[in-house]
C-alpha cells in the first residue's frame, strides 16, 4: 500500500491596508453647530436691516429670529460652564 504524504500549508501572512490606528469617525457634514446657528442669527439680522424681507414676511422672520435667540441663550451658558470646567482641569 502506498502512503500519502501530507503537505503542510504555510501560514498565510496578512497583507492588507489594515492599520493599527483606525481613523476617527468623520463628522456629519450636514450637522449644524452652535456657531452655525449664531451665524444664521446674524444673517437674519443683517438681511432684515437691509430690507431683504417684505413687510408681510417680517412676522415670520421675527418669530424665527426670536426663537433662535432664545435657544442660543439657553445653550450658551451650558457651553460656557463646560468650557470653564475644562479650563480648571488644566
Protein backbone atom coordinates (compact mmCIF):
# COMPACT_ATOMS: atom_id res chain seq x y z
CA UNK A 1 0.00 0.00 0.00
CA UNK A 2 1.15 3.42 -0.84
CA UNK A 3 1.19 6.04 1.85
CA UNK A 4 0.07 9.53 1.14
CA UNK A 5 2.35 12.34 2.02
CA UNK A 6 0.73 15.14 3.89
CA UNK A 7 1.88 18.55 2.91
CA UNK A 8 1.80 21.30 5.44
CA UNK A 9 0.42 24.61 4.37
CA UNK A 10 2.40 27.65 5.23
CA UNK A 11 0.54 30.10 7.43
CA UNK A 12 -0.80 32.99 5.42
CA UNK A 13 0.61 36.36 6.21
CA UNK A 14 -1.99 39.09 6.41
CA UNK A 15 -1.19 41.61 3.74
CA UNK A 16 -3.67 44.41 3.61
CA UNK A 17 -4.19 48.01 4.32
CA UNK A 18 -5.34 47.49 7.89
CA UNK A 19 -3.75 49.92 10.28
CA UNK A 20 -3.22 49.71 13.99
CA UNK A 21 -4.93 53.08 14.50
CA UNK A 22 -8.34 53.16 12.86
CA UNK A 23 -9.45 56.54 11.64
CA UNK A 24 -11.75 58.56 13.85
CA UNK A 25 -15.31 58.77 12.60
CA UNK A 26 -15.84 61.70 10.27
CA UNK A 27 -18.28 64.39 11.46
CA UNK A 28 -21.59 64.61 9.69
CA UNK A 29 -21.25 67.33 7.02
CA UNK A 30 -24.96 68.16 7.31
CA UNK A 31 -24.90 68.68 11.09
CA UNK A 32 -25.47 72.17 12.47
CA UNK A 33 -23.25 73.55 15.20
CA UNK A 34 -23.96 76.33 17.66
CA UNK A 35 -21.62 78.53 15.61
CA UNK A 36 -23.75 77.85 12.52
CA UNK A 37 -26.87 78.92 14.41
CA UNK A 38 -25.17 82.10 15.63
CA UNK A 39 -24.19 82.90 12.04
CA UNK A 40 -27.78 82.31 10.93
CA UNK A 41 -28.97 84.73 13.58
CA UNK A 42 -26.53 87.36 12.30
CA UNK A 43 -27.62 86.74 8.70
CA UNK A 44 -31.29 87.23 9.63
CA UNK A 45 -30.45 90.46 11.45
CA UNK A 46 -28.40 91.88 8.58
CA UNK A 47 -30.91 90.82 5.91
CA UNK A 48 -33.82 92.42 7.76
CA UNK A 49 -31.82 95.62 8.34
CA UNK A 50 -31.08 95.85 4.61
CA UNK A 51 -34.71 95.32 3.66
CA UNK A 52 -34.40 91.84 2.20
CA UNK A 53 -37.81 90.79 3.51
CA UNK A 54 -41.22 92.17 2.57
CA UNK A 55 -43.44 93.63 5.30
CA UNK A 56 -45.69 90.56 5.29
CA UNK A 57 -42.71 88.27 5.78
CA UNK A 58 -41.28 90.15 8.75
CA UNK A 59 -43.57 88.48 11.31
CA UNK A 60 -42.36 85.00 10.35
CA UNK A 61 -38.74 86.11 10.20
CA UNK A 62 -39.04 87.86 13.56
CA UNK A 63 -40.66 84.81 15.16
CA UNK A 64 -37.88 82.56 13.89
CA UNK A 65 -35.22 85.05 14.97
CA UNK A 66 -36.66 85.29 18.50
CA UNK A 67 -36.94 81.52 18.78
CA UNK A 68 -33.33 81.12 17.61
CA UNK A 69 -32.11 83.76 20.10
CA UNK A 70 -33.91 82.01 22.97
CA UNK A 71 -32.35 78.68 22.02
CA UNK A 72 -28.87 80.19 21.79
CA UNK A 73 -29.30 81.93 25.17
CA UNK A 74 -30.29 78.61 26.71
CA UNK A 75 -27.39 76.69 25.15
CA UNK A 76 -24.66 79.33 25.52
CA UNK A 77 -24.46 79.27 29.35
CA UNK A 78 -24.17 75.47 29.26
CA UNK A 79 -21.23 75.71 26.88
CA UNK A 80 -19.53 78.38 29.00
CA UNK A 81 -19.78 76.24 32.13
CA UNK A 82 -18.38 73.24 30.25
CA UNK A 83 -15.53 75.42 28.96
CA UNK A 84 -14.81 76.71 32.47
CA UNK A 85 -14.66 73.15 33.79
CA UNK A 86 -12.21 72.21 31.05
CA UNK A 87 -10.03 75.21 31.94
CA UNK A 88 -9.99 74.19 35.63
CA UNK A 89 -8.79 70.69 34.78
CA UNK A 90 -5.69 72.04 33.01
